[in-house]
N, C-alpha and C. Protein backbone atom coordinates (compact mmCIF):
# COMPACT_ATOMS: atom_id res chain seq x y z
N UNK A 1 7.22 -17.95 14.08
CA UNK A 1 7.77 -17.06 13.06
C UNK A 1 8.86 -17.80 12.30
N UNK A 2 8.65 -17.96 10.99
CA UNK A 2 9.61 -18.71 10.15
C UNK A 2 9.94 -20.07 10.76
N UNK A 3 8.91 -20.72 11.29
CA UNK A 3 9.08 -22.06 11.83
C UNK A 3 9.49 -22.13 13.28
N UNK A 4 9.71 -21.00 13.94
CA UNK A 4 10.14 -20.98 15.34
C UNK A 4 9.00 -20.50 16.23
N UNK A 5 8.93 -21.02 17.44
CA UNK A 5 7.91 -20.57 18.38
C UNK A 5 8.21 -19.15 18.85
N UNK A 6 7.20 -18.29 18.81
CA UNK A 6 7.34 -16.91 19.27
C UNK A 6 6.24 -16.62 20.28
N UNK A 7 6.56 -15.81 21.26
CA UNK A 7 5.62 -15.50 22.34
C UNK A 7 5.26 -14.03 22.34
N UNK A 8 3.99 -13.75 22.58
CA UNK A 8 3.53 -12.38 22.65
C UNK A 8 3.11 -12.02 24.07
N UNK A 9 2.67 -10.77 24.25
CA UNK A 9 2.13 -10.28 25.51
C UNK A 9 0.61 -10.43 25.43
N UNK A 10 0.04 -11.30 26.27
CA UNK A 10 -1.38 -11.63 26.22
C UNK A 10 -2.13 -10.72 27.21
N UNK A 11 -2.62 -9.61 26.70
CA UNK A 11 -3.33 -8.65 27.54
C UNK A 11 -4.80 -9.04 27.58
N UNK A 12 -5.31 -9.29 28.78
CA UNK A 12 -6.65 -9.87 28.91
C UNK A 12 -7.58 -9.02 29.76
N UNK A 13 -7.42 -7.72 29.71
CA UNK A 13 -8.33 -6.84 30.42
C UNK A 13 -8.14 -6.88 31.92
N UNK A 14 -9.10 -6.33 32.64
CA UNK A 14 -8.95 -6.15 34.08
C UNK A 14 -8.95 -7.46 34.85
N UNK A 15 -9.34 -8.57 34.21
CA UNK A 15 -9.40 -9.84 34.95
C UNK A 15 -8.03 -10.33 35.37
N UNK A 16 -6.98 -9.98 34.59
CA UNK A 16 -5.64 -10.43 34.95
C UNK A 16 -4.65 -9.28 35.11
N UNK A 17 -5.05 -8.06 34.79
CA UNK A 17 -4.21 -6.88 35.01
C UNK A 17 -2.82 -7.00 34.39
N UNK A 18 -2.75 -7.53 33.17
CA UNK A 18 -1.47 -7.63 32.47
C UNK A 18 -1.21 -6.30 31.76
N UNK A 19 -0.14 -5.61 32.15
CA UNK A 19 0.22 -4.36 31.51
C UNK A 19 1.65 -4.01 31.90
N UNK A 20 2.23 -3.07 31.15
CA UNK A 20 3.59 -2.61 31.40
C UNK A 20 3.58 -1.09 31.37
N UNK A 21 4.35 -0.49 32.29
CA UNK A 21 4.46 0.97 32.31
C UNK A 21 5.84 1.34 32.84
N UNK A 22 6.47 2.31 32.19
CA UNK A 22 7.75 2.84 32.66
C UNK A 22 7.63 4.36 32.70
N UNK A 23 7.40 4.89 33.90
CA UNK A 23 7.25 6.33 34.06
C UNK A 23 8.59 7.07 34.08
N UNK A 24 9.68 6.31 34.11
CA UNK A 24 11.02 6.91 34.15
C UNK A 24 11.79 6.62 32.87
N UNK A 25 11.09 6.40 31.77
CA UNK A 25 11.76 6.12 30.49
C UNK A 25 12.60 7.32 30.07
N UNK A 26 13.65 7.03 29.34
CA UNK A 26 14.56 8.09 28.89
C UNK A 26 14.59 8.12 27.37
N UNK A 27 14.70 9.32 26.82
CA UNK A 27 14.92 9.48 25.39
C UNK A 27 13.67 9.53 24.54
N UNK A 28 12.47 9.51 25.14
CA UNK A 28 11.25 9.63 24.35
C UNK A 28 10.92 11.09 24.06
N UNK A 29 10.08 11.29 23.05
CA UNK A 29 9.63 12.64 22.71
C UNK A 29 8.85 13.24 23.88
N UNK A 30 9.01 14.56 24.04
CA UNK A 30 8.25 15.28 25.05
C UNK A 30 7.65 16.54 24.43
N UNK A 31 6.60 17.02 25.08
CA UNK A 31 5.88 18.20 24.60
C UNK A 31 5.48 18.00 23.14
N UNK A 32 5.82 18.92 22.25
CA UNK A 32 5.37 18.79 20.85
C UNK A 32 6.45 18.21 19.95
N UNK A 33 7.43 17.51 20.55
CA UNK A 33 8.48 16.88 19.75
C UNK A 33 7.88 15.84 18.80
N UNK A 34 8.45 15.68 17.62
CA UNK A 34 7.97 14.65 16.69
C UNK A 34 8.36 13.25 17.15
N UNK A 35 7.54 12.28 16.83
CA UNK A 35 7.82 10.89 17.14
C UNK A 35 7.03 10.00 16.19
N UNK A 36 7.32 8.72 16.24
CA UNK A 36 6.57 7.72 15.47
C UNK A 36 6.65 6.41 16.23
N UNK A 37 5.73 5.51 15.96
CA UNK A 37 5.75 4.19 16.62
C UNK A 37 5.07 3.16 15.73
N UNK A 38 5.49 1.91 15.91
CA UNK A 38 4.82 0.81 15.22
C UNK A 38 4.61 -0.33 16.20
N UNK A 39 3.66 -1.20 15.88
CA UNK A 39 3.45 -2.42 16.66
C UNK A 39 2.89 -3.49 15.75
N UNK A 40 3.07 -4.75 16.17
CA UNK A 40 2.46 -5.91 15.51
C UNK A 40 1.60 -6.63 16.54
N UNK A 41 0.33 -6.86 16.21
CA UNK A 41 -0.61 -7.49 17.13
C UNK A 41 -1.38 -8.60 16.42
N UNK A 42 -2.01 -9.46 17.20
CA UNK A 42 -2.94 -10.47 16.68
C UNK A 42 -4.15 -9.74 16.12
N UNK A 43 -4.44 -9.95 14.85
CA UNK A 43 -5.54 -9.25 14.21
C UNK A 43 -6.91 -9.79 14.53
N UNK A 44 -6.97 -10.90 15.26
CA UNK A 44 -8.26 -11.54 15.56
C UNK A 44 -8.68 -11.37 17.01
N UNK A 45 -7.84 -10.74 17.82
CA UNK A 45 -8.11 -10.67 19.26
C UNK A 45 -8.10 -9.21 19.71
N UNK A 46 -9.27 -8.73 20.11
CA UNK A 46 -9.42 -7.33 20.48
C UNK A 46 -10.72 -7.19 21.27
N UNK A 47 -11.00 -5.98 21.74
CA UNK A 47 -12.24 -5.76 22.48
C UNK A 47 -12.79 -4.37 22.17
N UNK A 48 -13.98 -4.12 22.68
CA UNK A 48 -14.65 -2.84 22.45
C UNK A 48 -14.37 -1.84 23.57
N UNK A 49 -13.41 -2.16 24.46
CA UNK A 49 -13.21 -1.34 25.63
C UNK A 49 -11.88 -0.58 25.58
N UNK A 50 -11.83 0.47 26.36
CA UNK A 50 -10.61 1.24 26.60
C UNK A 50 -9.86 0.61 27.78
N UNK A 51 -8.60 0.42 27.76
CA UNK A 51 -7.81 0.75 26.57
C UNK A 51 -6.67 -0.26 26.44
N UNK A 52 -6.50 -0.83 25.28
CA UNK A 52 -5.20 -1.41 24.97
C UNK A 52 -4.42 -0.35 24.21
N UNK A 53 -3.34 0.11 24.80
CA UNK A 53 -2.51 1.13 24.16
C UNK A 53 -1.05 0.71 24.17
N UNK A 54 -0.32 1.22 23.18
CA UNK A 54 1.14 1.14 23.17
C UNK A 54 1.67 2.48 22.72
N UNK A 55 2.52 3.10 23.55
CA UNK A 55 3.08 4.37 23.12
C UNK A 55 3.55 5.25 24.26
N UNK A 56 3.42 6.57 24.04
CA UNK A 56 3.97 7.61 24.90
C UNK A 56 2.83 8.18 25.75
N UNK A 57 2.99 8.13 27.08
CA UNK A 57 1.90 8.53 27.97
C UNK A 57 2.39 9.39 29.12
N UNK A 58 1.47 9.71 30.04
CA UNK A 58 1.78 10.54 31.19
C UNK A 58 2.77 9.84 32.12
N UNK A 59 3.65 10.62 32.72
CA UNK A 59 4.66 10.06 33.60
C UNK A 59 4.20 9.94 35.04
N UNK A 60 2.96 10.36 35.33
CA UNK A 60 2.44 10.25 36.69
C UNK A 60 1.31 9.22 36.81
N UNK A 61 0.97 8.56 35.70
CA UNK A 61 -0.09 7.55 35.74
C UNK A 61 -1.48 8.12 35.88
N UNK A 62 -1.66 9.40 35.61
CA UNK A 62 -2.96 10.04 35.74
C UNK A 62 -3.39 10.66 34.41
N UNK A 63 -4.66 10.98 34.32
CA UNK A 63 -5.18 11.72 33.17
C UNK A 63 -4.81 13.18 33.35
N UNK A 64 -3.83 13.63 32.58
CA UNK A 64 -3.37 15.01 32.70
C UNK A 64 -3.92 15.91 31.60
N UNK A 65 -4.95 15.42 30.90
CA UNK A 65 -5.63 16.27 29.93
C UNK A 65 -5.30 15.95 28.49
N UNK A 66 -6.05 16.56 27.60
CA UNK A 66 -5.91 16.31 26.17
C UNK A 66 -4.47 16.52 25.70
N UNK A 67 -4.03 15.63 24.81
CA UNK A 67 -2.72 15.73 24.13
C UNK A 67 -1.55 15.38 25.03
N UNK A 68 -1.79 14.82 26.22
CA UNK A 68 -0.68 14.43 27.09
C UNK A 68 -0.23 12.99 26.84
N UNK A 69 -0.81 12.34 25.86
CA UNK A 69 -0.34 11.03 25.43
C UNK A 69 -0.51 10.90 23.92
N UNK A 70 0.21 9.93 23.36
CA UNK A 70 0.14 9.64 21.92
C UNK A 70 0.46 8.16 21.77
N UNK A 71 -0.59 7.35 21.59
CA UNK A 71 -0.44 5.90 21.62
C UNK A 71 -1.28 5.25 20.53
N UNK A 72 -0.85 4.07 20.12
CA UNK A 72 -1.63 3.23 19.21
C UNK A 72 -2.64 2.41 19.99
N UNK A 73 -3.87 2.40 19.49
CA UNK A 73 -4.93 1.55 20.05
C UNK A 73 -5.43 0.64 18.94
N UNK A 74 -5.67 -0.65 19.28
CA UNK A 74 -6.29 -1.58 18.33
C UNK A 74 -7.52 -2.18 18.99
N UNK A 75 -8.66 -2.04 18.33
CA UNK A 75 -9.90 -2.59 18.86
C UNK A 75 -11.09 -1.95 18.16
N UNK A 76 -12.28 -2.21 18.72
CA UNK A 76 -13.48 -1.64 18.10
C UNK A 76 -14.29 -0.80 19.09
N UNK A 77 -13.56 -0.06 19.93
CA UNK A 77 -14.22 0.82 20.88
C UNK A 77 -14.86 2.01 20.18
N UNK A 78 -16.07 2.35 20.61
CA UNK A 78 -16.74 3.57 20.18
C UNK A 78 -17.08 4.42 21.41
N UNK A 79 -16.35 4.20 22.50
CA UNK A 79 -16.66 4.88 23.76
C UNK A 79 -16.32 6.36 23.75
N UNK A 80 -15.12 6.68 23.24
CA UNK A 80 -14.61 8.05 23.36
C UNK A 80 -13.95 8.46 22.06
N UNK A 81 -14.06 9.73 21.70
CA UNK A 81 -13.36 10.22 20.52
C UNK A 81 -14.12 9.92 19.25
N UNK A 82 -13.43 9.36 18.27
CA UNK A 82 -14.06 9.01 17.00
C UNK A 82 -13.55 7.65 16.54
N UNK A 83 -14.35 6.95 15.77
CA UNK A 83 -13.97 5.64 15.27
C UNK A 83 -14.00 5.63 13.75
N UNK A 84 -13.58 4.51 13.18
CA UNK A 84 -13.52 4.41 11.73
C UNK A 84 -14.81 3.89 11.13
N UNK A 85 -14.76 3.60 9.83
CA UNK A 85 -15.92 3.10 9.10
C UNK A 85 -16.16 1.63 9.42
N UNK A 86 -17.40 1.20 9.29
CA UNK A 86 -17.74 -0.20 9.53
C UNK A 86 -17.82 -0.49 11.02
N UNK A 87 -17.66 -1.78 11.36
CA UNK A 87 -17.81 -2.21 12.76
C UNK A 87 -16.48 -2.50 13.44
N UNK A 88 -15.36 -2.20 12.76
CA UNK A 88 -14.05 -2.40 13.36
C UNK A 88 -13.58 -3.84 13.23
N UNK A 89 -12.41 -4.11 13.80
CA UNK A 89 -11.58 -3.22 14.61
C UNK A 89 -10.86 -2.17 13.76
N UNK A 90 -10.33 -1.16 14.46
CA UNK A 90 -9.61 -0.08 13.80
C UNK A 90 -8.28 0.16 14.51
N UNK A 91 -7.38 0.80 13.81
CA UNK A 91 -6.22 1.41 14.44
C UNK A 91 -6.57 2.86 14.73
N UNK A 92 -6.50 3.23 16.00
CA UNK A 92 -6.83 4.58 16.43
C UNK A 92 -5.66 5.17 17.20
N UNK A 93 -5.65 6.48 17.31
CA UNK A 93 -4.65 7.18 18.11
C UNK A 93 -5.30 7.58 19.43
N UNK A 94 -4.78 7.05 20.54
CA UNK A 94 -5.25 7.46 21.86
C UNK A 94 -4.43 8.67 22.26
N UNK A 95 -5.10 9.83 22.35
CA UNK A 95 -4.44 11.10 22.63
C UNK A 95 -4.83 11.65 24.00
N UNK A 96 -5.42 10.82 24.83
CA UNK A 96 -5.99 11.09 26.15
C UNK A 96 -7.37 11.72 26.02
N UNK A 97 -8.27 11.19 26.81
CA UNK A 97 -9.68 11.59 26.79
C UNK A 97 -10.32 11.33 25.43
N UNK A 98 -9.76 10.40 24.68
CA UNK A 98 -10.35 10.04 23.41
C UNK A 98 -9.40 9.25 22.54
N UNK A 99 -9.95 8.28 21.82
CA UNK A 99 -9.23 7.50 20.81
C UNK A 99 -9.79 7.92 19.46
N UNK A 100 -8.90 8.31 18.54
CA UNK A 100 -9.33 9.02 17.35
C UNK A 100 -8.89 8.33 16.07
N UNK A 101 -9.85 8.27 15.12
CA UNK A 101 -9.58 7.71 13.79
C UNK A 101 -9.06 8.76 12.83
N UNK A 102 -9.15 10.03 13.22
CA UNK A 102 -8.72 11.14 12.37
C UNK A 102 -8.94 12.43 13.11
N UNK A 103 -9.35 13.48 12.39
CA UNK A 103 -9.51 14.79 13.04
C UNK A 103 -10.91 15.00 13.61
N UNK A 104 -11.80 14.04 13.43
CA UNK A 104 -13.15 14.17 13.97
C UNK A 104 -13.14 13.86 15.46
N UNK A 105 -13.87 14.68 16.23
CA UNK A 105 -14.02 14.44 17.66
C UNK A 105 -15.40 13.90 17.99
N UNK A 106 -16.13 13.45 16.98
CA UNK A 106 -17.51 13.01 17.17
C UNK A 106 -17.58 11.49 17.29
N UNK A 107 -18.18 11.01 18.38
CA UNK A 107 -18.36 9.57 18.56
C UNK A 107 -19.39 9.01 17.59
N UNK A 108 -20.26 9.86 17.07
CA UNK A 108 -21.35 9.39 16.21
C UNK A 108 -21.04 9.51 14.72
N UNK A 109 -19.92 10.15 14.37
CA UNK A 109 -19.59 10.36 12.96
C UNK A 109 -18.30 9.63 12.63
N UNK A 110 -18.37 8.47 11.94
CA UNK A 110 -17.14 7.74 11.61
C UNK A 110 -16.25 8.52 10.65
N UNK A 111 -14.95 8.23 10.72
CA UNK A 111 -14.00 8.77 9.76
C UNK A 111 -13.93 7.79 8.60
N UNK A 112 -14.46 8.12 7.42
CA UNK A 112 -14.66 7.13 6.36
C UNK A 112 -13.38 6.48 5.85
N UNK A 113 -12.27 7.21 5.83
CA UNK A 113 -11.04 6.64 5.29
C UNK A 113 -10.35 5.65 6.21
N UNK A 114 -10.70 5.67 7.50
CA UNK A 114 -10.12 4.74 8.46
C UNK A 114 -11.02 3.51 8.51
N UNK A 115 -10.81 2.60 7.56
CA UNK A 115 -11.69 1.45 7.38
C UNK A 115 -11.38 0.34 8.37
N UNK A 116 -12.35 -0.53 8.57
CA UNK A 116 -12.18 -1.68 9.47
C UNK A 116 -11.07 -2.59 8.97
N UNK A 117 -10.39 -3.23 9.91
CA UNK A 117 -9.29 -4.14 9.60
C UNK A 117 -9.77 -5.56 9.86
N UNK A 118 -10.07 -6.28 8.81
CA UNK A 118 -10.59 -7.64 8.94
C UNK A 118 -9.85 -8.57 7.99
N UNK A 119 -9.82 -9.85 8.35
CA UNK A 119 -9.23 -10.85 7.48
C UNK A 119 -7.73 -11.00 7.61
N UNK A 120 -7.10 -10.26 8.50
CA UNK A 120 -5.66 -10.35 8.71
C UNK A 120 -5.39 -11.04 10.05
N UNK A 121 -4.62 -12.09 10.03
CA UNK A 121 -4.29 -12.80 11.28
C UNK A 121 -3.36 -11.98 12.17
N UNK A 122 -2.49 -11.19 11.54
CA UNK A 122 -1.56 -10.33 12.27
C UNK A 122 -1.57 -8.96 11.61
N UNK A 123 -1.51 -7.92 12.43
CA UNK A 123 -1.65 -6.55 11.94
C UNK A 123 -0.45 -5.72 12.34
N UNK A 124 0.11 -4.99 11.37
CA UNK A 124 1.10 -3.96 11.64
C UNK A 124 0.37 -2.62 11.75
N UNK A 125 0.63 -1.89 12.82
CA UNK A 125 0.05 -0.56 12.98
C UNK A 125 1.14 0.48 13.16
N UNK A 126 0.97 1.63 12.55
CA UNK A 126 1.93 2.73 12.67
C UNK A 126 1.18 4.02 12.99
N UNK A 127 1.69 4.76 13.97
CA UNK A 127 1.18 6.08 14.31
C UNK A 127 2.29 7.09 14.07
N UNK A 128 2.00 8.06 13.22
CA UNK A 128 2.94 9.13 12.90
C UNK A 128 2.58 10.36 13.73
N UNK A 129 3.58 10.88 14.46
CA UNK A 129 3.33 12.01 15.35
C UNK A 129 4.24 13.18 15.12
N UNK A 130 4.15 13.84 13.96
CA UNK A 130 5.00 15.02 13.73
C UNK A 130 4.61 16.17 14.65
N UNK A 131 5.47 17.17 14.75
CA UNK A 131 5.12 18.38 15.47
C UNK A 131 4.02 19.12 14.72
N UNK A 132 3.31 19.97 15.44
CA UNK A 132 2.26 20.74 14.80
C UNK A 132 0.97 19.96 14.67
N UNK A 133 0.03 20.53 13.98
CA UNK A 133 -1.31 19.96 13.89
C UNK A 133 -1.41 18.94 12.76
N UNK A 134 -0.65 17.84 12.90
CA UNK A 134 -0.69 16.77 11.91
C UNK A 134 -0.59 15.42 12.62
N UNK A 135 -1.13 14.40 11.96
CA UNK A 135 -1.13 13.06 12.53
C UNK A 135 -1.35 12.05 11.41
N UNK A 136 -0.76 10.87 11.52
CA UNK A 136 -0.96 9.83 10.52
C UNK A 136 -1.17 8.47 11.16
N UNK A 137 -1.98 7.64 10.52
CA UNK A 137 -2.20 6.26 10.94
C UNK A 137 -2.09 5.35 9.72
N UNK A 138 -1.34 4.25 9.86
CA UNK A 138 -1.18 3.29 8.78
C UNK A 138 -1.39 1.89 9.34
N UNK A 139 -1.85 0.99 8.48
CA UNK A 139 -2.05 -0.41 8.87
C UNK A 139 -1.63 -1.32 7.73
N UNK A 140 -1.15 -2.49 8.08
CA UNK A 140 -0.77 -3.46 7.07
C UNK A 140 -0.98 -4.88 7.55
N UNK A 141 -1.13 -5.78 6.61
CA UNK A 141 -1.15 -7.21 6.90
C UNK A 141 0.28 -7.62 7.23
N UNK A 142 0.52 -8.08 8.45
CA UNK A 142 1.88 -8.40 8.88
C UNK A 142 2.43 -9.65 8.19
N UNK A 143 1.63 -10.32 7.39
CA UNK A 143 2.09 -11.52 6.68
C UNK A 143 2.35 -11.27 5.20
N UNK A 144 1.84 -10.16 4.65
CA UNK A 144 2.05 -9.90 3.22
C UNK A 144 1.64 -8.48 2.88
N UNK A 145 2.18 -7.99 1.76
CA UNK A 145 1.71 -6.73 1.21
C UNK A 145 2.31 -5.49 1.85
N UNK A 146 1.73 -4.35 1.51
CA UNK A 146 2.24 -3.05 1.92
C UNK A 146 1.26 -2.37 2.87
N UNK A 147 1.67 -1.21 3.35
CA UNK A 147 0.86 -0.46 4.31
C UNK A 147 -0.27 0.29 3.62
N UNK A 148 -1.36 0.46 4.35
CA UNK A 148 -2.48 1.28 3.91
C UNK A 148 -2.55 2.52 4.80
N UNK A 149 -2.75 3.67 4.21
CA UNK A 149 -2.93 4.90 4.98
C UNK A 149 -4.37 4.97 5.47
N UNK A 150 -4.54 5.01 6.79
CA UNK A 150 -5.87 5.12 7.39
C UNK A 150 -6.23 6.57 7.73
N UNK A 151 -5.21 7.38 7.99
CA UNK A 151 -5.44 8.80 8.21
C UNK A 151 -4.14 9.54 7.95
N UNK A 152 -4.23 10.69 7.32
CA UNK A 152 -3.09 11.58 7.13
C UNK A 152 -3.64 12.99 7.06
N UNK A 153 -3.57 13.69 8.19
CA UNK A 153 -4.17 15.02 8.23
C UNK A 153 -4.03 15.65 9.59
N UNK A 154 -5.01 16.48 9.94
CA UNK A 154 -4.96 17.23 11.19
C UNK A 154 -5.30 16.34 12.38
N UNK A 155 -4.96 16.83 13.55
CA UNK A 155 -5.36 16.21 14.80
C UNK A 155 -6.78 16.66 15.15
N UNK A 156 -7.45 15.96 16.06
CA UNK A 156 -8.77 16.43 16.50
C UNK A 156 -8.67 17.80 17.15
N UNK A 157 -9.74 18.56 17.15
CA UNK A 157 -9.73 19.87 17.81
C UNK A 157 -9.33 19.75 19.28
N UNK A 158 -8.43 20.63 19.72
CA UNK A 158 -8.00 20.64 21.11
C UNK A 158 -6.81 19.74 21.41
N UNK A 159 -6.19 19.16 20.36
CA UNK A 159 -5.08 18.22 20.58
C UNK A 159 -3.78 18.69 19.95
N UNK A 160 -3.66 19.96 19.68
CA UNK A 160 -2.40 20.52 19.18
C UNK A 160 -2.20 21.88 19.85
N UNK A 161 -0.99 22.11 20.41
CA UNK A 161 0.20 21.26 20.34
C UNK A 161 0.14 20.10 21.32
N UNK A 162 0.98 19.09 21.09
CA UNK A 162 1.10 17.97 22.00
C UNK A 162 1.73 18.43 23.31
N UNK A 163 1.43 17.68 24.38
CA UNK A 163 1.99 17.95 25.71
C UNK A 163 2.58 16.64 26.27
N UNK A 164 3.36 15.98 25.44
CA UNK A 164 3.87 14.66 25.79
C UNK A 164 4.78 14.71 27.01
N UNK A 165 4.75 13.62 27.82
CA UNK A 165 5.55 13.55 29.03
C UNK A 165 6.64 12.48 28.97
N UNK A 166 6.55 11.56 28.01
CA UNK A 166 7.68 10.67 27.77
C UNK A 166 7.75 9.40 28.57
N UNK A 167 6.62 8.86 29.02
CA UNK A 167 6.64 7.51 29.61
C UNK A 167 6.20 6.50 28.55
N UNK A 168 6.43 5.21 28.81
CA UNK A 168 6.02 4.14 27.89
C UNK A 168 4.95 3.31 28.56
N UNK A 169 3.87 3.04 27.83
CA UNK A 169 2.85 2.10 28.31
C UNK A 169 2.60 1.02 27.27
N UNK A 170 2.16 -0.12 27.76
CA UNK A 170 1.77 -1.24 26.91
C UNK A 170 0.66 -2.01 27.60
N UNK A 171 -0.52 -2.04 26.97
CA UNK A 171 -1.61 -2.84 27.51
C UNK A 171 -2.53 -2.10 28.45
N UNK A 172 -2.37 -0.79 28.56
CA UNK A 172 -3.19 0.00 29.46
C UNK A 172 -3.34 1.40 28.89
N UNK A 173 -4.24 2.18 29.46
CA UNK A 173 -4.39 3.57 29.07
C UNK A 173 -3.45 4.45 29.86
N UNK A 174 -3.41 5.72 29.51
CA UNK A 174 -2.52 6.65 30.19
C UNK A 174 -2.85 6.81 31.66
N UNK A 175 -4.14 6.68 32.00
CA UNK A 175 -4.57 6.82 33.39
C UNK A 175 -4.73 5.47 34.08
N UNK A 176 -4.24 4.40 33.45
CA UNK A 176 -4.32 3.07 34.05
C UNK A 176 -5.55 2.28 33.66
N UNK A 177 -6.41 2.83 32.79
CA UNK A 177 -7.58 2.06 32.33
C UNK A 177 -7.11 0.78 31.66
N UNK A 178 -7.62 -0.36 32.10
CA UNK A 178 -7.00 -1.63 31.69
C UNK A 178 -8.01 -2.68 31.23
N UNK A 179 -9.04 -2.25 30.52
CA UNK A 179 -10.04 -3.21 30.06
C UNK A 179 -9.79 -3.70 28.64
N UNK A 180 -8.74 -3.21 27.98
CA UNK A 180 -8.47 -3.62 26.61
C UNK A 180 -7.98 -5.06 26.50
N UNK A 181 -8.22 -5.67 25.35
CA UNK A 181 -7.82 -7.06 25.07
C UNK A 181 -7.08 -7.09 23.75
N UNK A 182 -5.82 -7.53 23.78
CA UNK A 182 -5.00 -7.65 22.57
C UNK A 182 -3.85 -8.60 22.88
N UNK A 183 -3.28 -9.22 21.84
CA UNK A 183 -2.01 -9.93 21.96
C UNK A 183 -0.96 -9.16 21.17
N UNK A 184 0.05 -8.67 21.86
CA UNK A 184 1.10 -7.81 21.30
C UNK A 184 2.35 -8.63 21.07
N UNK A 185 3.00 -8.44 19.91
CA UNK A 185 4.20 -9.21 19.59
C UNK A 185 5.47 -8.38 19.53
N UNK A 186 5.42 -7.20 18.94
CA UNK A 186 6.63 -6.38 18.85
C UNK A 186 6.25 -4.94 18.58
N UNK A 187 7.21 -4.04 18.84
CA UNK A 187 6.97 -2.64 18.56
C UNK A 187 8.20 -1.81 18.85
N UNK A 188 8.15 -0.56 18.44
CA UNK A 188 9.24 0.38 18.70
C UNK A 188 8.68 1.80 18.63
N UNK A 189 9.31 2.69 19.40
CA UNK A 189 8.95 4.11 19.41
C UNK A 189 10.20 4.90 19.06
N UNK A 190 10.08 5.84 18.15
CA UNK A 190 11.23 6.63 17.74
C UNK A 190 11.08 8.08 18.19
N UNK A 191 12.20 8.73 18.45
CA UNK A 191 12.22 10.18 18.54
C UNK A 191 12.42 10.70 17.12
N UNK A 192 11.57 11.62 16.70
CA UNK A 192 11.57 12.04 15.31
C UNK A 192 10.56 11.24 14.52
N UNK A 193 10.10 11.83 13.44
CA UNK A 193 9.08 11.21 12.60
C UNK A 193 9.71 10.80 11.27
N UNK A 194 10.08 9.51 11.12
CA UNK A 194 10.80 9.08 9.92
C UNK A 194 9.94 9.18 8.66
N UNK A 195 10.58 9.18 7.49
CA UNK A 195 9.83 9.29 6.23
C UNK A 195 9.05 8.03 5.92
N UNK A 196 8.16 8.13 4.94
CA UNK A 196 7.33 6.99 4.53
C UNK A 196 8.18 5.80 4.10
N UNK A 197 9.34 6.07 3.51
CA UNK A 197 10.20 4.97 3.05
C UNK A 197 10.64 4.10 4.22
N UNK A 198 10.85 4.71 5.38
CA UNK A 198 11.22 3.93 6.57
C UNK A 198 10.05 3.07 7.03
N UNK A 199 8.85 3.62 7.01
CA UNK A 199 7.66 2.83 7.36
C UNK A 199 7.54 1.61 6.44
N UNK A 200 7.77 1.83 5.16
CA UNK A 200 7.68 0.74 4.19
C UNK A 200 8.73 -0.34 4.47
N UNK A 201 9.92 0.08 4.89
CA UNK A 201 10.97 -0.88 5.21
C UNK A 201 10.60 -1.69 6.44
N UNK A 202 10.04 -1.03 7.45
CA UNK A 202 9.58 -1.74 8.65
C UNK A 202 8.56 -2.81 8.26
N UNK A 203 7.58 -2.44 7.45
CA UNK A 203 6.56 -3.40 7.03
C UNK A 203 7.18 -4.56 6.26
N UNK A 204 8.12 -4.29 5.38
CA UNK A 204 8.77 -5.36 4.61
C UNK A 204 9.52 -6.30 5.53
N UNK A 205 10.18 -5.76 6.56
CA UNK A 205 10.91 -6.60 7.51
C UNK A 205 9.97 -7.45 8.35
N UNK A 206 8.83 -6.87 8.73
CA UNK A 206 7.84 -7.64 9.49
C UNK A 206 7.32 -8.82 8.66
N UNK A 207 6.99 -8.54 7.40
CA UNK A 207 6.51 -9.61 6.52
C UNK A 207 7.57 -10.69 6.35
N UNK A 208 8.82 -10.26 6.21
CA UNK A 208 9.92 -11.23 6.01
C UNK A 208 10.16 -12.09 7.24
N UNK A 209 9.74 -11.60 8.42
CA UNK A 209 9.94 -12.39 9.65
C UNK A 209 9.12 -13.68 9.66
N UNK A 210 8.04 -13.73 8.90
CA UNK A 210 7.28 -14.97 8.76
C UNK A 210 6.31 -15.25 9.88
N UNK A 211 5.53 -14.25 10.28
CA UNK A 211 4.52 -14.48 11.31
C UNK A 211 3.55 -15.58 10.89
N UNK A 212 3.32 -16.53 11.78
CA UNK A 212 2.36 -17.60 11.54
C UNK A 212 2.79 -18.63 10.54
N UNK A 213 4.07 -18.62 10.14
CA UNK A 213 4.54 -19.52 9.09
C UNK A 213 5.64 -20.42 9.62
């Protein structure tokens, strides 16, 4: 980054069991509280499996049902929930028992506005989690340009209100599913859902950091 060596988290699926979890995290959103999160990942390294996730998950390490987690997923899985247009990879919201490109709960019906992310060496992903039946997904080239809205609308049926428990996971699913493959570089989770202008500032700062340069 800007001429300096930078190291990421190399998540390589179940073969090496690389993941992070903090079930005793403090200060994260719970229940239907608003939140937001961003991450920067390698845009060329991903898998079709569940789950590489970063975000807010169950505090007991188990599948506690729909809407008990809210995490960013990057990959081209079509296993559960709904996926985007094309062959992926996509930024999806893992809400437990499904990774979703929008409000569709159909594995066979792509969400057309959540287009595949290709040609970017590094990807910025943002998941917006306001209270109520709303959700947003944004993606950007972490080396240049601005964010693209991949979804801005309702949550899938059965996922509102949220039932967040306030733990942090990275590189695994809420129930410990660990077959995802990604290289993660940075991220943050906020309490509260900041305005679009804040998202734009985050993207501008990521670009200014000089990934790959």
